[in-house]
Amino acid sequence: MLRIVNGRVYDPANNVDGEVRDICIQDGKIVESVPPDAKRIDAQGMVVMPGGVDIHCHIAGPKVNLARKLQPEDHRHDVHPGTPFTRSGTGGVVPSTFTTGYRYTALGYTTAMEAAVPPIGARHALEELHDTPVIDKGFYVLLGNNVFLYQLLKEGRMDQFRQAVAWWLNVTKAYAAKLVNPGGDELWKGRRNANITRLDEKIDHFDITPRQVIKAFIEVVSEIGLPHPPHIHCNNLGQSGNYKTTLETMRTAGDKRAHIAHIQFHSYGGEPGKNPTSKAPEIAEYINAHPNISADVGQVMFGKATIMTGDAPMAWLLRQITGNKWVNADTEHESGCGIIPFAYQEHIYTHALQWAIGLELFLLSQDPWRLVLSTDHPNGGSFMNYPRLIRLLMDRTFRNEQIGLVNQKAIRKTVLLDDLDREYSLQEIAIVTRAGPAKLLGLRNKGQLGVAADADVTIYEEHDDKEQMFSAPRYVIKDGQLIIEDHEFRSDHEGRLLHVAPEYDPEIEQAIRPFFEDYYTIEFNNYAVNDSYLHRHETISTTT
């Protein structure tokens, strides 16, 4: 049992905005009260928030492990030593599993969602997530370029499509359905360096379009009742002029929910092959006016990054630009992935514009509950940049100083010089880093400090320098257990795997099995992930 007293509490989900009040914890949950002799933390002069929730990052699975292997030099210079309570590991832009869990915790984050795993890589992802300590976690399964699902759509077998989507989510122990560059894999595999560029372009061999794929997933995920809508990486990522595709993708949702991933990378004007311009105001205007649409920003931060994407054509394009070492691989009939070490530099026009577009989106957002914080770790930069990003949002003077240091030709293409004097409040930061992501994920017990919520709590010492404040919380409590005290780890913890288990008609297996026997390298009977891979877990309910 624990009572936190005298702290200023920011709990937007319960309309608590900086009030001094007690937070009581018992058996891993927030409770109304605890006995007077319960252990106490005096949080006077401190800020109390729910644990952070990262809605979009890449921290586990085959592609992440490949990115680690590709950059041994990154780990050699960033050893994460063990302590009497925690295990050792290596850091860098793509840290080892143990280091990932501890470094998220050291920032005050207690939940993170891996955003792209091919179904056949589910076992690998689950084992790595099990090795990621302290935080709760889950993953989104890549279904947007699945050959068998495309066959069902081509033949108009929509009921079987619905059953098959539910089956794949169930047998992989995933949390949500992820679409990456829908239709792009077929052209990439079938024609030299080709890619889908329009939502109504036919996908080779299937006589369907990306728009039909996106619409089908949005409708089926809604029917299944998943807690999170389709998590969509739009077509034409990183291409000049791609904002038109992004707007069309959002319009395709109609009035149903859709989440657009790392939308900064999809907010570019200009003509293909030429320098991009900013279309952040147009994207922000659309999101502001459509409450069914949500997004995470995918903010670019200057310094080292690692591009890892299921968008194989984009990986090839970046390889041509950088000349860096890279890996690009296709995974059975399910998806592909490209990995390239990368670095964003202030003086380069495109990098500075990407950085500025992310800030524009944040500053033009009228609803922080639906436009939430991410760097698309490690694509836009490491999650370790979150404190600096928070300072950019909260401190206008600091932001303007930084704007003055980057490529000014790029800045003049944005509205950042148009007297955008907004400064995020602590309550708004609590929304974009905690309450908002939890709500978008349908995690009712996270991102809030109401009675019966998970006792995931972070306590920061107040400081004028918000980067310093959010870099090192004084206390972190996970499931009611004191993990960090006085900035030091005091214990270790096994977080939970968060997953869904939607119902499906077992007859769908009779349709899927022959496809496996004809085309897969794995036997159908060996494909479904056994429950033993779940370890400590929580099944999040669907609405059906």
Foldseek 3Di string as FASTA:
>chain_A
DEKEFQAQEQFVVVPRHRDGDIWDDDQQFTAPDDDPPHHYDHQRLWYKFFFFAALFAAQWWDLLVVQCVVCVVQFVVAWAPADPFAHTWTDGLHTQQQVVQVQSVQLRHAEYEREEYELQGLLRRLVSLQSRWRHAYFYAYEFQQFPVLLQCVLVVVLQLNLQVVLVSQFLSQGQHHEYALRLFVQCVVPDPLDGDDAQQDARPPRRGGVLSSLLSQQVSCVVLFRLAGYEYAWHPFQFAQQLVRVVVSVVSSPLAAYEYEQCLRRAWHDDGPDATFGNLVVVQVVCQVHVRYFYENLAADFFKFKDKDLNQSVLVVVCVVPVFDKDKAADFSGTIMIIGIDGQDQADQNSVLSNVSSVSNVLSHPDLLRYAYDNSRRNRHHPLCVQVVLLCQAPVVVVVVSNVVGHVVSVVSDCNVVPSRHHDDPNSNLNRGWVSSCSNSNPVQTSRSDGRRRPFMFMWNDDPRSSVRSNGTQWTAGSNRTQHHRRHGDHIGRHFHEGANGDHDVVSCVVVQVVCVVGNPDHPVPSRDDPVSRPHYDHDYGPD
